[in-house]
Amino acid sequence: MTLRYHTPLNDQDQRAFGLSTPQPLALADRVRYAELDVLKHVNNKAYMGWFETLRVAHFETFCAAHYADIPMPRTVLRSADIRFVREMLMGEDYVATARVTAFRNTSYTIRQELWSGDLRATLTGVMVMLHPD
């Protein structure tokens, strides 16, 4: 399978990469040298960046259109629980996925996963929607 980086993957692409349950949003990329630490595995900060990129894409894909006629909210990551399951190394392809697991009046919970052959990391976050003022 040839991965399309930085482009939402459809269900078929996700299954071909090895995900048993396709998610609403999945983006592929590859580990870069700049993301490694002195032990030559991915620095924890890089995971946070990958998850943030995916959260922004998720909001733009699924939420932004609902604010077409009103001021766009400021979205804030209020809390995040990240679990590192297995290390990532230079040159590995990965797919990051995202789905909303709960809604409230001004917030939602997002579940994000990072896959490269198997599950490598997860993030469960609470996103709060604030008024621009």
C-alpha atoms as a PDB file:
ATOM      1  CA  MET A   1       0.000   0.000   0.000  1.00  0.00           C
ATOM      2  CA  THR A   2       1.196   3.480  -0.845  1.00  0.00           C
ATOM      3  CA  LEU A   3       0.181   5.930   1.854  1.00  0.00           C
ATOM      4  CA  ARG A   4      -1.034   9.397   0.958  1.00  0.00           C
ATOM      5  CA  TYR A   5       0.505  11.698   3.556  1.00  0.00           C
ATOM      6  CA  HIS A   6      -1.393  14.694   4.998  1.00  0.00           C
ATOM      7  CA  THR A   7      -4.590  13.661   3.193  1.00  0.00           C
ATOM      8  CA  PRO A   8      -7.594  12.153   4.980  1.00  0.00           C
ATOM      9  CA  LEU A   9      -7.615   8.391   4.502  1.00  0.00           C
ATOM     10  CA  ASN A  10     -10.859   6.659   3.586  1.00  0.00           C
ATOM     11  CA  ASP A  11     -12.087   3.458   5.261  1.00  0.00           C
ATOM     12  CA  GLN A  12     -10.407   1.266   2.642  1.00  0.00           C
ATOM     13  CA  ASP A  13      -7.035   3.016   3.110  1.00  0.00           C
ATOM     14  CA  GLN A  14      -7.307   2.689   6.891  1.00  0.00           C
ATOM     15  CA  ARG A  15      -8.076  -1.029   6.670  1.00  0.00           C
ATOM     16  CA  ALA A  16      -5.187  -1.546   4.224  1.00  0.00           C
ATOM     17  CA  PHE A  17      -2.858   0.054   6.791  1.00  0.00           C
ATOM     18  CA  GLY A  18      -4.084  -2.437   9.395  1.00  0.00           C
ATOM     19  CA  LEU A  19      -6.754  -0.569  11.347  1.00  0.00           C
ATOM     20  CA  SER A  20      -9.613  -2.949  12.112  1.00  0.00           C
ATOM     21  CA  THR A  21     -12.102  -0.147  12.770  1.00  0.00           C
ATOM     22  CA  PRO A  22     -11.839   2.895  10.487  1.00  0.00           C
ATOM     23  CA  GLN A  23     -12.175   6.266  12.199  1.00  0.00           C
ATOM     24  CA  PRO A  24     -13.885   9.495  11.048  1.00  0.00           C
ATOM     25  CA  LEU A  25     -10.497  11.125  10.424  1.00  0.00           C
ATOM     26  CA  ALA A  26      -7.157   9.469   9.788  1.00  0.00           C
ATOM     27  CA  LEU A  27      -3.992  11.126   8.479  1.00  0.00           C
ATOM     28  CA  ALA A  28      -0.741   9.423   7.528  1.00  0.00           C
ATOM     29  CA  ASP A  29       2.826  10.677   7.818  1.00  0.00           C
ATOM     30  CA  ARG A  30       6.360   9.430   8.413  1.00  0.00           C
ATOM     31  CA  VAL A  31       8.748   9.949  11.338  1.00  0.00           C
ATOM     32  CA  ARG A  32      11.405  12.564  10.535  1.00  0.00           C
ATOM     33  CA  TYR A  33      14.932  12.872  11.906  1.00  0.00           C
ATOM     34  CA  ALA A  34      14.091  16.154  13.674  1.00  0.00           C
ATOM     35  CA  GLU A  35      11.483  14.296  15.757  1.00  0.00           C
ATOM     36  CA  LEU A  36      14.038  11.964  17.352  1.00  0.00           C
ATOM     37  CA  ASP A  37      15.723  12.329  20.731  1.00  0.00           C
ATOM     38  CA  VAL A  38      19.266  11.329  21.711  1.00  0.00           C
ATOM     39  CA  LEU A  39      18.161   7.695  22.086  1.00  0.00           C
ATOM     40  CA  LYS A  40      17.029   7.756  18.434  1.00  0.00           C
ATOM     41  CA  HIS A  41      13.364   7.227  19.119  1.00  0.00           C
ATOM     42  CA  VAL A  42      10.574   9.780  18.752  1.00  0.00           C
ATOM     43  CA  ASN A  43      10.647  12.522  21.371  1.00  0.00           C
ATOM     44  CA  ASN A  44       7.458  12.774  23.448  1.00  0.00           C
ATOM     45  CA  LYS A  45       6.995  16.361  22.241  1.00  0.00           C
ATOM     46  CA  ALA A  46       6.605  15.101  18.655  1.00  0.00           C
ATOM     47  CA  TYR A  47       3.592  12.981  19.616  1.00  0.00           C
ATOM     48  CA  MET A  48       1.913  16.076  21.042  1.00  0.00           C
ATOM     49  CA  GLY A  49       2.570  17.929  17.781  1.00  0.00           C
ATOM     50  CA  TRP A  50       1.153  15.083  15.705  1.00  0.00           C
ATOM     51  CA  PHE A  51      -1.973  14.922  17.852  1.00  0.00           C
ATOM     52  CA  GLU A  52      -2.390  18.712  17.710  1.00  0.00           C
ATOM     53  CA  THR A  53      -2.146  18.728  13.905  1.00  0.00           C
ATOM     54  CA  LEU A  54      -4.826  16.055  13.794  1.00  0.00           C
ATOM     55  CA  ARG A  55      -7.110  17.933  16.238  1.00  0.00           C
ATOM     56  CA  VAL A  56      -6.912  21.067  14.076  1.00  0.00           C
ATOM     57  CA  ALA A  57      -7.722  19.046  10.948  1.00  0.00           C
ATOM     58  CA  HIS A  58     -10.592  17.366  12.789  1.00  0.00           C
ATOM     59  CA  PHE A  59     -12.101  20.727  13.809  1.00  0.00           C
ATOM     60  CA  GLU A  60     -11.710  22.145  10.300  1.00  0.00           C
ATOM     61  CA  THR A  61     -13.224  19.024   8.716  1.00  0.00           C
ATOM     62  CA  PHE A  62     -16.166  18.389  11.024  1.00  0.00           C
ATOM     63  CA  CYS A  63     -16.873  21.494  13.116  1.00  0.00           C
ATOM     64  CA  ALA A  64     -15.921  24.740  11.375  1.00  0.00           C
ATOM     65  CA  ALA A  65     -18.817  24.694   8.907  1.00  0.00           C
ATOM     66  CA  HIS A  66     -21.285  24.895  11.810  1.00  0.00           C
ATOM     67  CA  TYR A  67     -19.947  28.384  12.566  1.00  0.00           C
ATOM     68  CA  ALA A  68     -20.423  29.826   9.078  1.00  0.00           C
ATOM     69  CA  ASP A  69     -22.847  32.540  10.243  1.00  0.00           C
ATOM     70  CA  ILE A  70     -21.531  33.183  13.754  1.00  0.00           C
ATOM     71  CA  PRO A  71     -18.125  34.020  15.225  1.00  0.00           C
ATOM     72  CA  MET A  72     -15.700  31.101  15.180  1.00  0.00           C
ATOM     73  CA  PRO A  73     -15.010  29.865  18.722  1.00  0.00           C
ATOM     74  CA  ARG A  74     -11.572  29.596  20.232  1.00  0.00           C
ATOM     75  CA  THR A  75     -10.896  25.927  20.871  1.00  0.00           C
ATOM     76  CA  VAL A  76      -8.715  25.090  23.839  1.00  0.00           C
ATOM     77  CA  LEU A  77      -7.314  21.752  24.886  1.00  0.00           C
ATOM     78  CA  ARG A  78      -8.333  21.818  28.547  1.00  0.00           C
ATOM     79  CA  SER A  79      -6.887  18.458  29.533  1.00  0.00           C
ATOM     80  CA  ALA A  80      -5.124  15.579  27.852  1.00  0.00           C
ATOM     81  CA  ASP A  81      -4.284  12.080  28.935  1.00  0.00           C
ATOM     82  CA  ILE A  82      -1.579  10.667  26.701  1.00  0.00           C
ATOM     83  CA  ARG A  83      -0.485   7.051  26.861  1.00  0.00           C
ATOM     84  CA  PHE A  84       2.738   5.940  25.242  1.00  0.00           C
ATOM     85  CA  VAL A  85       2.350   2.284  24.285  1.00  0.00           C
ATOM     86  CA  ARG A  86       5.437   1.551  22.191  1.00  0.00           C
ATOM     87  CA  GLU A  87       8.314   3.619  20.829  1.00  0.00           C
ATOM     88  CA  MET A  88       8.460   4.991  17.292  1.00  0.00           C
ATOM     89  CA  LEU A  89      11.648   5.082  15.216  1.00  0.00           C
ATOM     90  CA  MET A  90      13.103   7.000  12.278  1.00  0.00           C
ATOM     91  CA  GLY A  91      11.356   6.454   8.956  1.00  0.00           C
ATOM     92  CA  GLU A  92       8.299   4.631  10.290  1.00  0.00           C
ATOM     93  CA  ASP A  93       5.024   5.365   8.543  1.00  0.00           C
ATOM     94  CA  TYR A  94       2.157   6.058  10.919  1.00  0.00           C
ATOM     95  CA  VAL A  95      -1.539   6.860  10.845  1.00  0.00           C
ATOM     96  CA  ALA A  96      -3.066   9.179  13.425  1.00  0.00           C
ATOM     97  CA  THR A  97      -6.823   8.866  13.980  1.00  0.00           C
ATOM     98  CA  ALA A  98      -9.434  11.003  15.729  1.00  0.00           C
ATOM     99  CA  ARG A  99     -13.033  10.661  16.792  1.00  0.00           C
ATOM    100  CA  VAL A 100     -15.318  12.508  19.186  1.00  0.00           C
ATOM    101  CA  THR A 101     -16.512  10.293  22.034  1.00  0.00           C
ATOM    102  CA  ALA A 102     -18.699  12.737  23.998  1.00  0.00           C
ATOM    103  CA  PHE A 103     -20.388  16.127  23.610  1.00  0.00           C
ATOM    104  CA  ARG A 104     -21.408  18.698  26.207  1.00  0.00           C
ATOM    105  CA  ASN A 105     -22.791  22.251  25.877  1.00  0.00           C
ATOM    106  CA  THR A 106     -19.431  23.978  25.342  1.00  0.00           C
ATOM    107  CA  SER A 107     -16.955  21.102  25.142  1.00  0.00           C
ATOM    108  CA  TYR A 108     -16.317  17.699  23.661  1.00  0.00           C
ATOM    109  CA  THR A 109     -14.041  14.743  24.329  1.00  0.00           C
ATOM    110  CA  ILE A 110     -11.772  13.562  21.545  1.00  0.00           C
ATOM    111  CA  ARG A 111     -10.010  10.209  21.327  1.00  0.00           C
ATOM    112  CA  GLN A 112      -6.875  10.105  19.216  1.00  0.00           C
ATOM    113  CA  GLU A 113      -4.730   7.106  18.362  1.00  0.00           C
ATOM    114  CA  LEU A 114      -1.390   6.637  16.663  1.00  0.00           C
ATOM    115  CA  TRP A 115      -0.821   3.452  14.679  1.00  0.00           C
ATOM    116  CA  SER A 116       2.264   1.996  12.996  1.00  0.00           C
ATOM    117  CA  GLY A 117       1.657  -1.704  12.556  1.00  0.00           C
ATOM    118  CA  ASP A 118       0.167  -1.672  16.044  1.00  0.00           C
ATOM    119  CA  LEU A 119      -1.067   0.903  18.537  1.00  0.00           C
ATOM    120  CA  ARG A 120       1.782   3.217  19.582  1.00  0.00           C
ATOM    121  CA  ALA A 121       0.074   5.993  21.563  1.00  0.00           C
ATOM    122  CA  THR A 122      -3.324   7.377  22.541  1.00  0.00           C
ATOM    123  CA  LEU A 123      -4.586  10.749  23.646  1.00  0.00           C
ATOM    124  CA  THR A 124      -7.933  11.461  25.250  1.00  0.00           C
ATOM    125  CA  GLY A 125      -8.568  15.179  25.432  1.00  0.00           C
ATOM    126  CA  VAL A 126     -11.271  17.579  26.504  1.00  0.00           C
ATOM    127  CA  MET A 127     -11.728  20.427  24.041  1.00  0.00           C
ATOM    128  CA  VAL A 128     -13.461  23.582  25.315  1.00  0.00           C
ATOM    129  CA  MET A 129     -15.126  26.058  22.987  1.00  0.00           C
ATOM    130  CA  LEU A 130     -14.656  29.681  24.116  1.00  0.00           C
ATOM    131  CA  HIS A 131     -16.250  32.868  22.811  1.00  0.00           C
ATOM    132  CA  PRO A 132     -13.774  35.026  20.851  1.00  0.00           C
ATOM    133  CA  ASP A 133     -14.080  37.834  23.456  1.00  0.00           C
END
